[in-house]
Structure formats: C-alpha cells, structure tokens
Amino acid sequence: MNVQARTILTSECKILDMGMRGVRLATTQRLNINDKYSIKFNIDGKRILNKGTVRWARLVGNQKGQNQDSIPLFMTGIEFDSVLTDKGEEILHVLDECSGNVGKRFGGKRVRIHAPGQTVLNVFREYPIKQISSGGMLVETDQEFVLDKRFFWAFNFPEDDIIRCQGRVASCLETFTNNMKRYNIGIEFMDVQKEDRINLTRFILQAMVHELKTSLLN
C-alpha cells in the first residue's frame, strides 16, 4: 500500500526581475516544472504571500559554497496564479516598493527588483514511506536533504486521523530507481504529542497489516 508523508520545503532565492504575471528567480536548487510554490516577500516588516507555478528552469552556472565546493545555480520562471484578485494588488505593492517606480503602470512589463528583504519559496511535497517505526521513518525523495535539519511532517491512512510531528533528518543516502537518482532519507521523530503518539502506534499496526516494513522496537 502506497502511503505518503507530507511536508513543506523552503528555499531562499534571489529575485532577478518581476512583472504582474510572474517572476524570474535565481536559486541553488532545481525547481520542478509544473510544481506549485508559495512565494513569500518580506518587505518593511510586512509579509506578502502569493502562489505560482514553475513554467521553466535551466542550469546557468555554478557558484562557490561556504566550503569552497561548487554549487549549481539555476534560473527559474514562475507564473503567478492569482493576478486578478487582491493578490494582484499585493504584487503591485511589491513592484512599487522594490523597483523604485512608485505609482507607475507596469502592464505586462517586467522590471528589475531591488529586494531589501528575504524572499522564500515554500512547496508542499509528498514522499512515499518505505519503512516506519515508533522512532522514525524512511522516505524516498527526488532531492538531497541537509542532515540535522528539521521539518514538520503529516501522514495517515485514508479516513484515519492525521499524525503530525516534527522530524530531524538523521541520514541521507543516494540510490537509483529505474536509472534515476533518488535519496533514502531517514527521519527521526521529534516532539511527538501524546495523541499523535497513540495514532502513530495505530498507524504502525495498520502498516504491518498492509505488509509495510515496520519495527515497534525502535
């Protein structure tokens, strides 16, 4: 039985230019075509949130990391989903504040952005659970996870209570499935509330019935 673990991934990025219909970004992480992202702008203490869909992405070069390692640099185009609503007014506010052209009619033009605040991308992702125990789980992903980083996770069988908990990345092992690079990510459960712990035990018992690999001894 295919059971998915759900989480939200975040990625910092740099805005290259932006218009009413979309934004062009520089990121160190490749964003998948047609994936939907939430884009969060922090400007003068005000948070502006909008959603968009990745329409194109390409590798444009490399940059040096903190350890002098080579980090890929991607350029990505995201189309906004809600430009004819109040979100459109918020996009116009971002253009006003970050372009230096307050009150200017932008139309379909794209302008270079000078963003003083941090821009963050959020994406909702689902990953198949390969193994699970009372202490953690193993999920398969299409990207590498940073060790010790914490994420909030949610999972459940259909029509069951949702289990929510924080999880620490304990391991990240590269593997190949159908000649495609994948990663087995070991997640250690952290700060599991009492009710979620009860539901987790029920989840594991159901997983055993459905012949998932489990261990109640961890």
N, C-alpha and C. Protein backbone atom coordinates (compact mmCIF):
# COMPACT_ATOMS: atom_id res chain seq x y z
N MET A 1 0.86 -1.20 0.00
CA MET A 1 0.00 0.00 0.00
C MET A 1 0.89 1.24 0.00
N ASN A 2 0.59 2.17 -0.88
CA ASN A 2 1.39 3.38 -1.01
C ASN A 2 0.91 4.44 -0.02
N VAL A 3 1.74 4.76 0.97
CA VAL A 3 1.40 5.77 1.97
C VAL A 3 2.41 6.91 1.85
N GLN A 4 1.92 8.13 1.80
CA GLN A 4 2.77 9.30 1.58
C GLN A 4 2.95 10.10 2.87
N ALA A 5 4.18 10.59 3.05
CA ALA A 5 4.47 11.54 4.12
C ALA A 5 4.51 12.93 3.50
N ARG A 6 3.83 13.89 4.10
CA ARG A 6 3.70 15.22 3.53
C ARG A 6 4.51 16.23 4.36
N THR A 7 5.14 17.14 3.66
CA THR A 7 5.90 18.19 4.34
C THR A 7 5.96 19.42 3.45
N ILE A 8 6.49 20.51 4.00
CA ILE A 8 6.68 21.74 3.24
C ILE A 8 8.17 22.06 3.21
N LEU A 9 8.72 22.19 2.01
CA LEU A 9 10.12 22.53 1.84
C LEU A 9 10.26 24.02 1.58
N THR A 10 11.30 24.62 2.12
CA THR A 10 11.56 26.04 1.91
C THR A 10 12.91 26.23 1.23
N SER A 11 13.01 27.26 0.44
CA SER A 11 14.26 27.55 -0.26
C SER A 11 14.39 29.06 -0.43
N GLU A 12 15.51 29.61 -0.01
CA GLU A 12 15.77 31.02 -0.23
C GLU A 12 16.16 31.23 -1.69
N CYS A 13 15.84 32.39 -2.22
CA CYS A 13 16.15 32.67 -3.62
C CYS A 13 16.39 34.16 -3.81
N LYS A 14 16.84 34.51 -5.00
CA LYS A 14 17.06 35.91 -5.36
C LYS A 14 16.18 36.25 -6.54
N ILE A 15 15.42 37.34 -6.41
CA ILE A 15 14.55 37.78 -7.49
C ILE A 15 15.40 38.56 -8.50
N LEU A 16 15.32 38.14 -9.78
CA LEU A 16 16.05 38.83 -10.84
C LEU A 16 15.18 39.93 -11.47
N ASP A 17 13.98 39.58 -11.85
CA ASP A 17 13.01 40.58 -12.31
C ASP A 17 11.61 40.03 -12.13
N MET A 18 10.64 40.92 -12.24
CA MET A 18 9.27 40.53 -11.91
C MET A 18 8.29 41.42 -12.65
N GLY A 19 7.14 40.85 -12.96
CA GLY A 19 6.04 41.58 -13.57
C GLY A 19 4.74 41.18 -12.90
N MET A 20 3.62 41.69 -13.39
CA MET A 20 2.34 41.36 -12.79
C MET A 20 1.99 39.89 -12.96
N ARG A 21 2.55 39.25 -14.00
CA ARG A 21 2.15 37.86 -14.29
C ARG A 21 3.13 36.82 -13.76
N GLY A 22 4.35 37.24 -13.39
CA GLY A 22 5.29 36.23 -12.93
C GLY A 22 6.61 36.83 -12.47
N VAL A 23 7.53 35.93 -12.13
CA VAL A 23 8.81 36.35 -11.57
C VAL A 23 9.91 35.43 -12.08
N ARG A 24 11.10 35.99 -12.27
CA ARG A 24 12.28 35.21 -12.66
C ARG A 24 13.23 35.19 -11.48
N LEU A 25 13.65 33.98 -11.09
CA LEU A 25 14.42 33.78 -9.87
C LEU A 25 15.77 33.13 -10.14
N ALA A 26 16.72 33.37 -9.24
CA ALA A 26 17.97 32.61 -9.20
C ALA A 26 17.93 31.76 -7.95
N THR A 27 18.13 30.45 -8.10
CA THR A 27 18.10 29.52 -6.97
C THR A 27 19.27 28.56 -7.07
N THR A 28 19.61 27.95 -5.96
CA THR A 28 20.66 26.91 -5.95
C THR A 28 20.04 25.53 -5.96
N GLN A 29 18.73 25.47 -6.08
CA GLN A 29 18.00 24.20 -6.11
C GLN A 29 17.13 24.16 -7.35
N ARG A 30 17.19 23.08 -8.09
CA ARG A 30 16.35 22.97 -9.29
C ARG A 30 14.89 22.80 -8.89
N LEU A 31 14.01 23.62 -9.45
CA LEU A 31 12.59 23.54 -9.18
C LEU A 31 11.91 22.79 -10.32
N ASN A 32 11.04 21.86 -9.98
CA ASN A 32 10.41 21.00 -10.98
C ASN A 32 9.34 21.75 -11.77
N ILE A 33 9.33 21.51 -13.09
CA ILE A 33 8.31 22.12 -13.95
C ILE A 33 6.92 21.69 -13.49
N ASN A 34 6.00 22.66 -13.44
CA ASN A 34 4.59 22.49 -13.06
C ASN A 34 4.38 22.32 -11.57
N ASP A 35 5.47 22.31 -10.76
CA ASP A 35 5.29 22.33 -9.31
C ASP A 35 4.75 23.69 -8.90
N LYS A 36 3.88 23.68 -7.88
CA LYS A 36 3.32 24.92 -7.36
C LYS A 36 4.08 25.35 -6.10
N TYR A 37 4.44 26.62 -6.04
CA TYR A 37 5.19 27.16 -4.92
C TYR A 37 4.46 28.35 -4.32
N SER A 38 4.63 28.52 -3.02
CA SER A 38 4.22 29.76 -2.36
C SER A 38 5.45 30.66 -2.30
N ILE A 39 5.29 31.90 -2.71
CA ILE A 39 6.40 32.86 -2.70
C ILE A 39 6.12 33.89 -1.62
N LYS A 40 7.06 34.03 -0.69
CA LYS A 40 6.86 34.94 0.44
C LYS A 40 7.86 36.09 0.35
N PHE A 41 7.34 37.32 0.30
CA PHE A 41 8.17 38.51 0.30
C PHE A 41 8.08 39.16 1.68
N ASN A 42 9.22 39.50 2.24
CA ASN A 42 9.25 40.26 3.49
C ASN A 42 9.77 41.66 3.18
N ILE A 43 8.87 42.63 3.18
CA ILE A 43 9.22 43.99 2.80
C ILE A 43 8.78 44.96 3.89
N ASP A 44 9.75 45.67 4.46
CA ASP A 44 9.48 46.66 5.51
C ASP A 44 8.62 46.08 6.63
N GLY A 45 8.92 44.84 7.00
CA GLY A 45 8.20 44.21 8.10
C GLY A 45 6.86 43.63 7.72
N LYS A 46 6.45 43.77 6.47
CA LYS A 46 5.18 43.23 6.00
C LYS A 46 5.41 41.98 5.18
N ARG A 47 4.66 40.94 5.48
CA ARG A 47 4.79 39.69 4.73
C ARG A 47 3.72 39.62 3.65
N ILE A 48 4.16 39.38 2.42
CA ILE A 48 3.25 39.24 1.29
C ILE A 48 3.43 37.84 0.72
N LEU A 49 2.32 37.10 0.63
CA LEU A 49 2.37 35.71 0.19
C LEU A 49 1.57 35.53 -1.08
N ASN A 50 2.16 34.89 -2.07
CA ASN A 50 1.44 34.59 -3.30
C ASN A 50 1.84 33.19 -3.77
N LYS A 51 1.04 32.64 -4.68
CA LYS A 51 1.31 31.31 -5.21
C LYS A 51 1.61 31.39 -6.70
N GLY A 52 2.45 30.46 -7.15
CA GLY A 52 2.79 30.43 -8.56
C GLY A 52 3.18 29.05 -9.02
N THR A 53 3.25 28.86 -10.35
CA THR A 53 3.58 27.58 -10.95
C THR A 53 4.87 27.71 -11.76
N VAL A 54 5.78 26.76 -11.59
CA VAL A 54 7.05 26.78 -12.32
C VAL A 54 6.78 26.45 -13.79
N ARG A 55 7.17 27.37 -14.68
CA ARG A 55 6.95 27.17 -16.11
C ARG A 55 8.23 26.76 -16.84
N TRP A 56 9.40 27.17 -16.34
CA TRP A 56 10.66 26.76 -16.96
C TRP A 56 11.78 26.90 -15.93
N ALA A 57 12.84 26.12 -16.15
CA ALA A 57 14.02 26.16 -15.27
C ALA A 57 15.22 25.65 -16.05
N ARG A 58 16.36 26.30 -15.87
CA ARG A 58 17.56 25.84 -16.57
C ARG A 58 18.81 26.15 -15.73
N LEU A 59 19.80 25.30 -15.90
CA LEU A 59 21.08 25.47 -15.23
C LEU A 59 21.87 26.55 -15.98
N VAL A 60 22.36 27.56 -15.23
CA VAL A 60 23.05 28.67 -15.88
C VAL A 60 24.51 28.80 -15.43
N GLY A 61 24.93 28.02 -14.42
CA GLY A 61 26.31 28.12 -13.97
C GLY A 61 26.50 27.51 -12.60
N ASN A 62 27.60 27.88 -11.96
CA ASN A 62 27.92 27.39 -10.63
C ASN A 62 28.45 28.54 -9.79
N GLN A 63 28.35 28.37 -8.47
CA GLN A 63 28.94 29.33 -7.55
C GLN A 63 29.60 28.57 -6.40
N LYS A 64 30.54 29.21 -5.72
CA LYS A 64 31.26 28.57 -4.63
C LYS A 64 30.46 28.65 -3.34
N GLY A 65 30.42 27.51 -2.62
CA GLY A 65 29.75 27.46 -1.34
C GLY A 65 30.68 27.87 -0.21
N GLN A 66 30.19 27.75 1.01
CA GLN A 66 30.97 28.14 2.19
C GLN A 66 32.22 27.28 2.33
N ASN A 67 32.16 26.05 1.88
CA ASN A 67 33.31 25.15 1.97
C ASN A 67 34.09 25.09 0.66
N GLN A 68 33.92 26.12 -0.17
CA GLN A 68 34.60 26.21 -1.46
C GLN A 68 34.18 25.12 -2.44
N ASP A 69 33.05 24.46 -2.15
CA ASP A 69 32.53 23.46 -3.07
C ASP A 69 31.69 24.15 -4.14
N SER A 70 31.46 23.45 -5.24
CA SER A 70 30.73 24.01 -6.35
C SER A 70 29.22 23.77 -6.18
N ILE A 71 28.46 24.85 -6.21
CA ILE A 71 27.01 24.76 -6.04
C ILE A 71 26.34 25.19 -7.35
N PRO A 72 25.44 24.35 -7.89
CA PRO A 72 24.77 24.72 -9.15
C PRO A 72 23.88 25.93 -8.97
N LEU A 73 23.77 26.74 -10.01
CA LEU A 73 22.92 27.93 -9.99
C LEU A 73 21.89 27.80 -11.11
N PHE A 74 20.63 27.92 -10.74
CA PHE A 74 19.54 27.76 -11.69
C PHE A 74 18.78 29.07 -11.87
N MET A 75 18.26 29.27 -13.07
CA MET A 75 17.36 30.38 -13.34
C MET A 75 15.98 29.78 -13.60
N THR A 76 14.96 30.36 -12.97
CA THR A 76 13.63 29.74 -12.99
C THR A 76 12.56 30.80 -13.23
N GLY A 77 11.58 30.44 -14.05
CA GLY A 77 10.45 31.32 -14.28
C GLY A 77 9.19 30.78 -13.63
N ILE A 78 8.53 31.60 -12.81
CA ILE A 78 7.31 31.20 -12.11
C ILE A 78 6.17 32.13 -12.52
N GLU A 79 5.06 31.53 -12.92
CA GLU A 79 3.86 32.29 -13.29
C GLU A 79 2.93 32.39 -12.08
N PHE A 80 2.51 33.61 -11.74
CA PHE A 80 1.60 33.80 -10.62
C PHE A 80 0.22 33.23 -10.94
N ASP A 81 -0.45 32.70 -9.91
CA ASP A 81 -1.75 32.06 -10.09
C ASP A 81 -2.93 33.03 -9.95
N SER A 82 -2.76 34.10 -9.16
CA SER A 82 -3.92 34.93 -8.79
C SER A 82 -3.63 36.41 -9.02
N VAL A 83 -3.54 36.80 -10.29
CA VAL A 83 -3.21 38.20 -10.58
C VAL A 83 -4.45 39.07 -10.69
N LEU A 84 -5.64 38.47 -10.81
CA LEU A 84 -6.87 39.24 -10.97
C LEU A 84 -7.66 39.32 -9.67
N THR A 85 -6.99 39.11 -8.54
CA THR A 85 -7.62 39.18 -7.23
C THR A 85 -6.86 40.19 -6.38
N ASP A 86 -7.13 40.18 -5.07
CA ASP A 86 -6.40 41.05 -4.15
C ASP A 86 -4.91 40.74 -4.17
N LYS A 87 -4.55 39.51 -4.55
CA LYS A 87 -3.14 39.15 -4.65
C LYS A 87 -2.44 40.00 -5.71
N GLY A 88 -3.18 40.36 -6.76
CA GLY A 88 -2.61 41.21 -7.78
C GLY A 88 -2.22 42.57 -7.22
N GLU A 89 -3.05 43.09 -6.31
CA GLU A 89 -2.72 44.35 -5.67
C GLU A 89 -1.46 44.23 -4.82
N GLU A 90 -1.28 43.07 -4.18
CA GLU A 90 -0.08 42.87 -3.38
C GLU A 90 1.16 42.77 -4.27
N ILE A 91 1.03 42.13 -5.44
CA ILE A 91 2.15 42.07 -6.38
C ILE A 91 2.53 43.48 -6.82
N LEU A 92 1.52 44.32 -7.10
CA LEU A 92 1.78 45.70 -7.49
C LEU A 92 2.51 46.44 -6.38
N HIS A 93 2.15 46.14 -5.12
CA HIS A 93 2.83 46.76 -3.98
C HIS A 93 4.30 46.36 -3.95
N VAL A 94 4.58 45.08 -4.22
CA VAL A 94 5.98 44.62 -4.27
C VAL A 94 6.74 45.36 -5.36
N LEU A 95 6.12 45.49 -6.54
CA LEU A 95 6.76 46.18 -7.66
C LEU A 95 7.04 47.63 -7.32
N ASP A 96 6.09 48.28 -6.64
CA ASP A 96 6.28 49.67 -6.23
C ASP A 96 7.45 49.82 -5.27
N GLU A 97 7.46 48.97 -4.25
CA GLU A 97 8.45 49.11 -3.19
C GLU A 97 9.85 48.72 -3.63
N CYS A 98 9.96 47.73 -4.52
CA CYS A 98 11.28 47.17 -4.83
C CYS A 98 11.87 47.65 -6.16
N SER A 99 11.09 48.37 -6.96
CA SER A 99 11.61 48.82 -8.24
C SER A 99 11.97 50.30 -8.25
N GLY A 100 11.47 51.02 -7.25
CA GLY A 100 11.73 52.45 -7.21
C GLY A 100 10.84 53.24 -8.14
N ASN A 101 9.79 52.61 -8.66
CA ASN A 101 8.88 53.28 -9.59
C ASN A 101 7.47 53.34 -9.00
N VAL A 102 7.34 54.00 -7.84
CA VAL A 102 6.06 54.04 -7.14
C VAL A 102 5.00 54.71 -8.00
N GLY A 103 3.85 54.03 -8.12
CA GLY A 103 2.72 54.59 -8.87
C GLY A 103 2.78 54.37 -10.36
N LYS A 104 3.83 53.76 -10.87
CA LYS A 104 3.97 53.54 -12.31
C LYS A 104 3.09 52.38 -12.76
N ARG A 105 2.47 52.51 -13.95
CA ARG A 105 1.66 51.43 -14.51
C ARG A 105 2.60 50.45 -15.20
N PHE A 106 2.63 49.20 -14.72
CA PHE A 106 3.58 48.22 -15.23
C PHE A 106 3.04 47.42 -16.42
N GLY A 107 1.71 47.19 -16.43
CA GLY A 107 1.15 46.38 -17.52
C GLY A 107 1.81 45.03 -17.56
N GLY A 108 2.22 44.60 -18.79
CA GLY A 108 2.88 43.30 -18.93
C GLY A 108 4.38 43.37 -18.85
N LYS A 109 4.93 44.56 -18.51
CA LYS A 109 6.37 44.72 -18.47
C LYS A 109 6.96 44.06 -17.23
N ARG A 110 8.21 43.63 -17.38
CA ARG A 110 8.96 43.08 -16.25
C ARG A 110 9.98 44.11 -15.84
N VAL A 111 10.20 44.25 -14.53
CA VAL A 111 11.15 45.23 -14.02
C VAL A 111 12.17 44.54 -13.13
N ARG A 112 13.36 45.10 -13.10
CA ARG A 112 14.40 44.58 -12.21
C ARG A 112 14.05 44.95 -10.78
N ILE A 113 14.18 43.96 -9.89
CA ILE A 113 13.77 44.15 -8.49
C ILE A 113 15.00 44.34 -7.61
N HIS A 114 14.91 45.32 -6.71
CA HIS A 114 15.95 45.52 -5.70
C HIS A 114 15.30 45.20 -4.35
N ALA A 115 15.29 43.92 -4.02
CA ALA A 115 14.56 43.47 -2.84
C ALA A 115 15.42 43.59 -1.59
N PRO A 116 15.02 44.45 -0.64
CA PRO A 116 15.80 44.60 0.59
C PRO A 116 15.54 43.49 1.59
N GLY A 117 14.41 42.80 1.45
CA GLY A 117 14.08 41.75 2.40
C GLY A 117 14.40 40.37 1.86
N GLN A 118 14.05 39.36 2.62
CA GLN A 118 14.32 37.97 2.24
C GLN A 118 13.15 37.42 1.44
N THR A 119 13.45 36.69 0.37
CA THR A 119 12.42 36.03 -0.42
C THR A 119 12.54 34.53 -0.23
N VAL A 120 11.44 33.88 0.11
CA VAL A 120 11.43 32.46 0.43
C VAL A 120 10.38 31.75 -0.40
N LEU A 121 10.75 30.58 -0.94
CA LEU A 121 9.81 29.73 -1.66
C LEU A 121 9.38 28.59 -0.76
N ASN A 122 8.08 28.32 -0.71
CA ASN A 122 7.55 27.17 0.01
C ASN A 122 6.86 26.25 -0.98
N VAL A 123 7.11 24.95 -0.85
CA VAL A 123 6.43 23.99 -1.73
C VAL A 123 5.96 22.80 -0.90
N PHE A 124 4.73 22.39 -1.15
CA PHE A 124 4.13 21.23 -0.49
C PHE A 124 4.56 19.98 -1.24
N ARG A 125 5.19 19.04 -0.56
CA ARG A 125 5.68 17.82 -1.21
C ARG A 125 5.17 16.58 -0.48
N GLU A 126 5.03 15.50 -1.24
CA GLU A 126 4.66 14.19 -0.70
C GLU A 126 5.71 13.17 -1.10
N TYR A 127 6.12 12.32 -0.14
CA TYR A 127 7.14 11.31 -0.39
C TYR A 127 6.65 9.97 0.12
N PRO A 128 6.91 8.88 -0.62
CA PRO A 128 6.47 7.55 -0.17
C PRO A 128 7.25 7.10 1.07
N ILE A 129 6.53 6.53 2.02
CA ILE A 129 7.15 5.96 3.22
C ILE A 129 7.59 4.54 2.90
N LYS A 130 8.88 4.25 3.06
CA LYS A 130 9.41 2.92 2.78
C LYS A 130 9.46 2.07 4.04
N GLN A 131 9.78 2.67 5.17
CA GLN A 131 9.81 2.00 6.46
C GLN A 131 9.34 2.98 7.52
N ILE A 132 8.77 2.45 8.60
CA ILE A 132 8.34 3.32 9.68
C ILE A 132 8.41 2.56 11.00
N SER A 133 8.71 3.28 12.08
CA SER A 133 8.73 2.71 13.43
C SER A 133 8.24 3.79 14.38
N SER A 134 8.20 3.48 15.65
CA SER A 134 7.77 4.47 16.63
C SER A 134 8.79 5.59 16.79
N GLY A 135 10.02 5.36 16.33
CA GLY A 135 11.07 6.36 16.49
C GLY A 135 11.37 7.16 15.24
N GLY A 136 10.88 6.70 14.08
CA GLY A 136 11.19 7.44 12.86
C GLY A 136 10.70 6.71 11.63
N MET A 137 11.09 7.22 10.47
CA MET A 137 10.66 6.61 9.21
C MET A 137 11.73 6.83 8.14
N LEU A 138 11.62 6.05 7.08
CA LEU A 138 12.48 6.17 5.91
C LEU A 138 11.60 6.54 4.73
N VAL A 139 11.91 7.68 4.09
CA VAL A 139 11.14 8.12 2.93
C VAL A 139 12.07 8.23 1.73
N GLU A 140 11.50 8.11 0.54
CA GLU A 140 12.27 8.24 -0.69
C GLU A 140 11.94 9.57 -1.34
N THR A 141 12.98 10.36 -1.67
CA THR A 141 12.78 11.68 -2.24
C THR A 141 13.55 11.81 -3.55
N ASP A 142 13.27 12.89 -4.26
CA ASP A 142 13.98 13.18 -5.51
C ASP A 142 15.06 14.22 -5.32
N GLN A 143 15.35 14.60 -4.06
CA GLN A 143 16.38 15.58 -3.80
C GLN A 143 17.07 15.30 -2.47
N GLU A 144 18.27 15.83 -2.36
CA GLU A 144 19.08 15.62 -1.17
C GLU A 144 18.57 16.49 -0.02
N PHE A 145 18.59 15.94 1.18
CA PHE A 145 18.19 16.69 2.38
C PHE A 145 19.43 16.96 3.23
N VAL A 146 19.45 18.12 3.87
CA VAL A 146 20.57 18.50 4.74
C VAL A 146 20.44 17.79 6.08
N LEU A 147 21.51 17.14 6.52
CA LEU A 147 21.49 16.43 7.80
C LEU A 147 21.18 17.38 8.95
N ASP A 148 20.43 16.86 9.93
CA ASP A 148 20.05 17.56 11.16
C ASP A 148 18.99 18.65 10.96
N LYS A 149 18.62 18.92 9.72
CA LYS A 149 17.57 19.91 9.50
C LYS A 149 16.22 19.33 9.90
N ARG A 150 15.36 20.15 10.47
CA ARG A 150 14.06 19.69 10.96
C ARG A 150 12.92 20.14 10.04
N PHE A 151 11.95 19.26 9.88
CA PHE A 151 10.77 19.54 9.08
C PHE A 151 9.53 19.09 9.86
N PHE A 152 8.40 19.69 9.56
CA PHE A 152 7.13 19.21 10.09
C PHE A 152 6.52 18.25 9.07
N TRP A 153 6.06 17.09 9.57
CA TRP A 153 5.54 16.04 8.71
C TRP A 153 4.10 15.71 9.10
N ALA A 154 3.35 15.20 8.13
CA ALA A 154 2.00 14.70 8.37
C ALA A 154 1.78 13.48 7.49
N PHE A 155 1.09 12.47 8.04
CA PHE A 155 0.79 11.27 7.26
C PHE A 155 -0.37 10.54 7.91
N ASN A 156 -1.04 9.72 7.13
CA ASN A 156 -2.15 8.92 7.65
C ASN A 156 -2.62 7.96 6.57
N PHE A 157 -3.32 6.91 7.02
CA PHE A 157 -4.05 6.07 6.10
C PHE A 157 -5.36 6.79 5.75
N PRO A 158 -5.95 6.51 4.59
CA PRO A 158 -7.22 7.14 4.24
C PRO A 158 -8.26 6.95 5.33
N GLU A 159 -8.97 8.04 5.66
CA GLU A 159 -10.05 8.06 6.63
C GLU A 159 -9.56 7.87 8.07
N ASP A 160 -8.24 7.96 8.29
CA ASP A 160 -7.70 7.89 9.64
C ASP A 160 -7.32 9.28 10.13
N ASP A 161 -7.09 9.39 11.45
CA ASP A 161 -6.61 10.65 12.00
C ASP A 161 -5.23 10.98 11.44
N ILE A 162 -5.00 12.25 11.16
CA ILE A 162 -3.71 12.69 10.64
C ILE A 162 -2.70 12.77 11.78
N ILE A 163 -1.52 12.22 11.56
CA ILE A 163 -0.42 12.29 12.53
C ILE A 163 0.49 13.43 12.12
N ARG A 164 0.73 14.34 13.05
CA ARG A 164 1.61 15.47 12.79
C ARG A 164 2.75 15.46 13.80
N CYS A 165 3.96 15.64 13.30
CA CYS A 165 5.11 15.67 14.20
C CYS A 165 6.28 16.36 13.52
N GLN A 166 7.24 16.72 14.32
CA GLN A 166 8.47 17.28 13.79
C GLN A 166 9.47 16.15 13.60
N GLY A 167 10.27 16.23 12.55
CA GLY A 167 11.24 15.17 12.29
C GLY A 167 12.59 15.74 11.91
N ARG A 168 13.65 15.14 12.43
CA ARG A 168 15.03 15.55 12.13
C ARG A 168 15.63 14.63 11.08
N VAL A 169 16.32 15.20 10.09
CA VAL A 169 16.98 14.40 9.07
C VAL A 169 18.19 13.72 9.69
N ALA A 170 18.09 12.40 9.89
CA ALA A 170 19.15 11.64 10.53
C ALA A 170 20.12 11.02 9.54
N SER A 171 19.66 10.77 8.32
CA SER A 171 20.53 10.17 7.29
C SER A 171 20.02 10.54 5.91
N CYS A 172 20.93 10.52 4.94
CA CYS A 172 20.58 10.83 3.56
C CYS A 172 21.50 10.01 2.66
N LEU A 173 20.94 8.96 2.02
CA LEU A 173 21.74 8.05 1.21
C LEU A 173 21.27 8.08 -0.24
N GLU A 174 22.23 8.28 -1.13
CA GLU A 174 21.91 8.31 -2.56
C GLU A 174 21.64 6.90 -3.06
N THR A 175 20.65 6.77 -3.93
CA THR A 175 20.31 5.49 -4.52
C THR A 175 19.81 5.73 -5.94
N PHE A 176 19.52 4.65 -6.66
CA PHE A 176 19.00 4.77 -8.02
C PHE A 176 17.77 3.89 -8.17
N THR A 177 16.71 4.45 -8.73
CA THR A 177 15.49 3.71 -9.02
C THR A 177 15.14 3.93 -10.48
N ASN A 178 15.07 2.85 -11.25
CA ASN A 178 14.80 2.93 -12.70
C ASN A 178 15.77 3.90 -13.38
N ASN A 179 17.06 3.77 -12.99
CA ASN A 179 18.15 4.59 -13.55
C ASN A 179 18.01 6.07 -13.23
N MET A 180 17.20 6.40 -12.24
CA MET A 180 17.05 7.79 -11.81
C MET A 180 17.60 7.96 -10.41
N LYS A 181 18.34 9.04 -10.17
CA LYS A 181 18.92 9.28 -8.86
C LYS A 181 17.82 9.62 -7.86
N ARG A 182 17.83 8.91 -6.74
CA ARG A 182 16.88 9.15 -5.67
C ARG A 182 17.65 9.19 -4.34
N TYR A 183 16.93 9.51 -3.28
CA TYR A 183 17.57 9.58 -1.96
C TYR A 183 16.68 8.90 -0.93
N ASN A 184 17.29 8.03 -0.11
CA ASN A 184 16.61 7.45 1.04
C ASN A 184 16.91 8.34 2.25
N ILE A 185 15.87 8.96 2.78
CA ILE A 185 16.02 9.93 3.86
C ILE A 185 15.50 9.32 5.16
N GLY A 186 16.38 9.21 6.15
CA GLY A 186 15.98 8.72 7.47
C GLY A 186 15.54 9.87 8.35
N ILE A 187 14.31 9.81 8.84
CA ILE A 187 13.73 10.88 9.66
C ILE A 187 13.55 10.38 11.10
N GLU A 188 14.12 11.09 12.05
CA GLU A 188 13.92 10.79 13.47
C GLU A 188 12.78 11.66 13.99
N PHE A 189 11.74 11.02 14.55
CA PHE A 189 10.60 11.78 15.07
C PHE A 189 11.01 12.57 16.30
N MET A 190 10.54 13.81 16.38
CA MET A 190 10.85 14.69 17.50
C MET A 190 9.55 15.32 18.01
N ASP A 191 9.47 15.53 19.30
CA ASP A 191 8.35 16.29 19.89
C ASP A 191 6.99 15.77 19.45
N VAL A 192 6.79 14.46 19.55
CA VAL A 192 5.50 13.86 19.18
C VAL A 192 4.54 13.99 20.36
N GLN A 193 3.40 14.63 20.14
CA GLN A 193 2.41 14.80 21.19
C GLN A 193 1.74 13.46 21.53
N LYS A 194 1.15 13.39 22.73
CA LYS A 194 0.59 12.13 23.23
C LYS A 194 -0.44 11.56 22.28
N GLU A 195 -1.37 12.40 21.82
CA GLU A 195 -2.42 11.90 20.93
C GLU A 195 -1.82 11.41 19.61
N ASP A 196 -0.83 12.16 19.10
CA ASP A 196 -0.19 11.74 17.86
C ASP A 196 0.61 10.45 18.06
N ARG A 197 1.18 10.26 19.26
CA ARG A 197 1.91 9.03 19.56
C ARG A 197 0.96 7.84 19.53
N ILE A 198 -0.24 8.00 20.07
CA ILE A 198 -1.25 6.93 20.05
C ILE A 198 -1.63 6.61 18.61
N ASN A 199 -1.88 7.67 17.83
CA ASN A 199 -2.24 7.48 16.43
C ASN A 199 -1.09 6.85 15.64
N LEU A 200 0.15 7.19 16.03
CA LEU A 200 1.32 6.61 15.36
C LEU A 200 1.39 5.11 15.58
N THR A 201 1.13 4.68 16.83
CA THR A 201 1.13 3.25 17.13
C THR A 201 0.06 2.53 16.32
N ARG A 202 -1.13 3.17 16.21
CA ARG A 202 -2.21 2.59 15.41
C ARG A 202 -1.79 2.53 13.93
N PHE A 203 -1.13 3.57 13.47
CA PHE A 203 -0.66 3.63 12.09
C PHE A 203 0.31 2.49 11.80
N ILE A 204 1.25 2.24 12.72
CA ILE A 204 2.26 1.19 12.54
C ILE A 204 1.58 -0.19 12.49
N LEU A 205 0.61 -0.40 13.37
CA LEU A 205 -0.11 -1.67 13.37
C LEU A 205 -0.84 -1.88 12.05
N GLN A 206 -1.44 -0.81 11.52
CA GLN A 206 -2.11 -0.91 10.23
C GLN A 206 -1.09 -1.17 9.12
N ALA A 207 0.07 -0.53 9.24
CA ALA A 207 1.12 -0.73 8.24
C ALA A 207 1.57 -2.18 8.22
N MET A 208 1.65 -2.80 9.41
CA MET A 208 2.04 -4.20 9.49
C MET A 208 1.01 -5.08 8.78
N VAL A 209 -0.25 -4.72 8.94
CA VAL A 209 -1.31 -5.48 8.28
C VAL A 209 -1.17 -5.37 6.77
N HIS A 210 -0.78 -4.17 6.32
CA HIS A 210 -0.63 -3.93 4.87
C HIS A 210 0.77 -4.29 4.38
N GLU A 211 1.54 -4.98 5.23
CA GLU A 211 2.84 -5.54 4.86
C GLU A 211 3.90 -4.50 4.53
N LEU A 212 3.80 -3.32 5.16
CA LEU A 212 4.91 -2.39 5.08
C LEU A 212 5.98 -2.87 6.05
N LYS A 213 7.25 -2.55 5.81
CA LYS A 213 8.32 -2.91 6.73
C LYS A 213 8.23 -2.02 7.96
N THR A 214 8.08 -2.62 9.14
CA THR A 214 7.94 -1.84 10.37
C THR A 214 8.73 -2.49 11.49
N SER A 215 8.95 -1.70 12.54
CA SER A 215 9.57 -2.21 13.74
C SER A 215 9.07 -1.39 14.93
N LEU A 216 8.39 -2.06 15.84
CA LEU A 216 7.91 -1.38 17.04
C LEU A 216 8.98 -1.32 18.12
N LEU A 217 10.16 -1.83 17.85
CA LEU A 217 11.21 -1.90 18.86
C LEU A 217 12.14 -0.70 18.83
N ASN A 218 12.06 0.16 17.83
CA ASN A 218 12.95 1.33 17.72
C ASN A 218 12.44 2.49 18.53
